[in-house]
């Protein structure tokens, strides 16, 4: 096995750990939420919070590092799909940094203050942001598999529509709320 193949394998394994693990926790929390199982919802959110810095951040960073090595070894830095993959990573990184992490801290403070109703409402908002985050991640996976170039208008269009629809559908209602209504 050559270095390119080794680093490509490491890239895929880290992506599985990052995206697959997070998707599993998101689905488990969504199922608990839909079943009106507030304790299950909070347990899922607590697990996501605890794994955030110890599992998801390292897995995401290693995914990017190994992907960068693969792109360098394969001479792929000018490929549109590589640039789009990095843009998708940047989006999920910023979503985590600017939306998920602060909301998670706020939920933790609400739990410590004994405001479980507020914490549950915050948890539902956090899952909605997580749905958008995973919309982007799934489009990154589509990007990595389809490897679209500038001429692949249909694939690029579907990916763009999916991300825009995810933003409108998942983030729109959250961002449209006024501070007094939140």
Protein backbone atom coordinates (compact mmCIF):
# COMPACT_ATOMS: atom_id res chain seq x y z
CA UNK A 1 0.00 0.00 0.00
CA UNK A 2 1.41 3.43 -0.93
CA UNK A 3 1.28 6.61 1.18
CA UNK A 4 -1.60 8.04 -0.86
CA UNK A 5 -3.77 5.00 -0.13
CA UNK A 6 -2.79 4.94 3.55
CA UNK A 7 -3.71 8.60 4.05
CA UNK A 8 -6.89 8.24 2.02
CA UNK A 9 -7.91 5.35 4.31
CA UNK A 10 -7.11 7.43 7.39
CA UNK A 11 -9.12 10.33 5.91
CA UNK A 12 -12.16 8.09 5.34
CA UNK A 13 -11.91 6.41 8.77
CA UNK A 14 -11.76 9.79 10.54
CA UNK A 15 -14.67 11.08 8.45
CA UNK A 16 -16.68 8.00 9.49
CA UNK A 17 -15.88 8.64 13.15
CA UNK A 18 -16.82 12.31 12.85
CA UNK A 19 -19.90 12.24 10.64
CA UNK A 20 -21.19 8.78 11.54
CA UNK A 21 -20.84 9.24 15.27
CA UNK A 22 -22.50 12.63 15.21
CA UNK A 23 -25.30 11.44 12.96
CA UNK A 24 -26.03 8.56 15.31
CA UNK A 25 -26.24 10.87 18.32
CA UNK A 26 -28.36 13.39 16.41
CA UNK A 27 -30.83 10.70 15.34
CA UNK A 28 -30.99 9.28 18.88
CA UNK A 29 -31.73 12.74 20.28
CA UNK A 30 -34.33 13.40 17.59
CA UNK A 31 -36.07 10.11 18.37
CA UNK A 32 -36.10 10.96 22.08
CA UNK A 33 -37.45 14.42 21.29
CA UNK A 34 -40.23 13.08 19.07
CA UNK A 35 -41.19 10.55 21.73
CA UNK A 36 -41.48 13.44 24.21
CA UNK A 37 -38.76 11.76 26.23
CA UNK A 38 -37.15 14.86 27.75
CA UNK A 39 -34.76 12.81 29.88
CA UNK A 40 -33.61 10.91 26.78
CA UNK A 41 -33.24 14.17 24.86
CA UNK A 42 -31.12 15.71 27.60
CA UNK A 43 -29.02 12.54 27.94
CA UNK A 44 -28.33 12.58 24.20
CA UNK A 45 -27.43 16.27 24.26
CA UNK A 46 -25.20 15.73 27.30
CA UNK A 47 -23.38 12.92 25.49
CA UNK A 48 -22.94 15.12 22.39
CA UNK A 49 -21.56 17.88 24.61
CA UNK A 50 -19.10 15.57 26.36
CA UNK A 51 -17.93 14.01 23.10
CA UNK A 52 -17.65 17.33 21.29
CA UNK A 53 -14.12 18.25 22.28
CA UNK A 54 -12.85 14.74 22.95
CA UNK A 55 -14.21 12.94 19.86
CA UNK A 56 -15.81 15.17 17.21
CA UNK A 57 -13.29 18.03 17.13
CA UNK A 58 -10.25 15.70 16.91
CA UNK A 59 -11.99 13.47 14.33
CA UNK A 60 -12.94 16.49 12.20
CA UNK A 61 -9.46 17.99 12.38
CA UNK A 62 -7.83 14.66 11.53
CA UNK A 63 -10.25 14.27 8.62
CA UNK A 64 -9.07 17.61 7.24
CA UNK A 65 -5.38 16.94 7.94
CA UNK A 66 -5.44 13.53 6.26
CA UNK A 67 -7.52 14.96 3.41
CA UNK A 68 -4.92 17.70 2.94
CA UNK A 69 -2.16 15.09 2.78
CA UNK A 70 -4.18 13.13 0.18
CA UNK A 71 -4.82 16.31 -1.85
CA UNK A 72 -1.11 17.13 -1.73
CA UNK A 73 0.05 13.62 -2.65
CA UNK A 74 -2.56 13.42 -5.41
CA UNK A 75 -1.96 16.93 -6.75
CA UNK A 76 -5.65 17.78 -6.26
CA UNK A 77 -5.52 21.26 -4.68
CA UNK A 78 -6.95 22.91 -7.78
CA UNK A 79 -9.94 20.56 -8.01
CA UNK A 80 -13.33 22.17 -7.37
CA UNK A 81 -14.54 19.25 -5.25
CA UNK A 82 -11.55 19.62 -2.91
CA UNK A 83 -12.26 23.34 -2.50
CA UNK A 84 -15.96 22.63 -1.88
CA UNK A 85 -15.03 19.98 0.70
CA UNK A 86 -12.89 22.50 2.56
CA UNK A 87 -15.69 25.07 2.36
CA UNK A 88 -18.07 22.49 3.84
CA UNK A 89 -15.62 21.79 6.66
CA UNK A 90 -15.27 25.52 7.31
CA UNK A 91 -19.06 25.82 7.45
CA UNK A 92 -19.45 23.02 9.97
CA UNK A 93 -16.52 24.34 12.02
CA UNK A 94 -18.09 27.81 12.16
CA UNK A 95 -21.53 26.38 12.91
CA UNK A 96 -20.03 24.53 15.85
CA UNK A 97 -18.01 27.49 17.06
CA UNK A 98 -20.63 30.21 16.62
CA UNK A 99 -23.92 28.37 17.16
CA UNK A 100 -23.61 24.90 18.72
CA UNK A 101 -20.95 25.59 21.35
CA UNK A 102 -22.55 28.78 22.75
CA UNK A 103 -26.01 27.18 22.79
CA UNK A 104 -24.58 24.13 24.55
CA UNK A 105 -23.01 26.34 27.22
CA UNK A 106 -26.30 28.21 27.62
CA UNK A 107 -28.19 24.92 28.03
CA UNK A 108 -25.67 23.79 30.64
CA UNK A 109 -26.18 27.01 32.59
CA UNK A 110 -29.96 26.54 32.42
CA UNK A 111 -29.63 22.98 33.75
CA UNK A 112 -27.40 24.19 36.60
CA UNK A 113 -29.96 26.90 37.40
CA UNK A 114 -32.71 24.27 37.51
CA UNK A 115 -34.55 25.63 34.45
CA UNK A 116 -35.23 22.31 32.74
CA UNK A 117 -38.00 23.74 30.54
CA UNK A 118 -35.58 26.35 29.19
CA UNK A 119 -32.86 23.73 28.78
CA UNK A 120 -35.19 21.43 26.84
CA UNK A 121 -36.27 24.31 24.58
CA UNK A 122 -32.60 25.15 24.04
CA UNK A 123 -31.89 21.51 23.31
CA UNK A 124 -34.54 21.48 20.62
CA UNK A 125 -33.00 24.63 19.08
CA UNK A 126 -29.58 23.02 19.25
CA UNK A 127 -30.85 19.93 17.41
CA UNK A 128 -32.36 22.15 14.72
CA UNK A 129 -28.97 23.78 14.16
CA UNK A 130 -27.46 20.28 14.18
CA UNK A 131 -29.81 19.29 11.37
CA UNK A 132 -28.45 22.11 9.24
CA UNK A 133 -24.89 21.15 10.16
CA UNK A 134 -25.54 17.59 9.01
CA UNK A 135 -27.19 18.82 5.82
CA UNK A 136 -23.86 20.47 5.00
CA UNK A 137 -21.90 17.38 6.07
CA UNK A 138 -24.01 15.14 3.87
CA UNK A 139 -23.38 17.47 0.93
CA UNK A 140 -19.65 17.23 1.66
CA UNK A 141 -20.00 13.46 1.42
CA UNK A 142 -21.87 13.85 -1.89
CA UNK A 143 -19.05 16.16 -3.00
CA UNK A 144 -16.35 13.65 -2.02
CA UNK A 145 -18.10 10.81 -3.85
CA UNK A 146 -19.28 12.68 -6.98
CA UNK A 147 -16.13 14.84 -7.25
CA UNK A 148 -17.89 17.49 -9.34
CA UNK A 149 -15.96 19.81 -11.60
CA UNK A 150 -17.07 23.19 -12.93
CA UNK A 151 -19.04 21.53 -15.74
CA UNK A 152 -21.11 19.32 -13.43
CA UNK A 153 -23.89 21.87 -13.15
CA UNK A 154 -26.61 19.39 -12.16
CA UNK A 155 -24.64 17.93 -9.22
CA UNK A 156 -23.46 21.36 -8.08
CA UNK A 157 -27.00 22.69 -8.38
CA UNK A 158 -28.48 19.87 -6.30
CA UNK A 159 -25.81 20.38 -3.66
CA UNK A 160 -26.43 24.15 -3.56
CA UNK A 161 -30.20 23.71 -3.37
CA UNK A 162 -29.81 21.20 -0.52
CA UNK A 163 -27.61 23.55 1.52
CA UNK A 164 -29.82 26.59 0.86
CA UNK A 165 -32.97 24.60 1.67
CA UNK A 166 -31.34 23.33 4.87
CA UNK A 167 -30.41 26.87 5.88
CA UNK A 168 -33.89 28.21 5.17
CA UNK A 169 -35.74 25.29 6.71
CA UNK A 170 -33.55 24.68 9.78
CA UNK A 171 -31.81 27.99 10.53
CA UNK A 172 -34.43 30.40 9.20
CA UNK A 173 -36.95 29.95 12.03
CA UNK A 174 -34.19 30.23 14.66
CA UNK A 175 -32.54 33.30 13.15
CA UNK A 176 -35.92 34.97 12.50
CA UNK A 177 -36.87 34.89 16.18
CA UNK A 178 -36.53 38.16 17.98
CA UNK A 179 -34.62 38.14 21.28
CA UNK A 180 -37.88 38.78 23.13
CA UNK A 181 -39.48 35.69 21.57
CA UNK A 182 -36.48 33.42 22.15
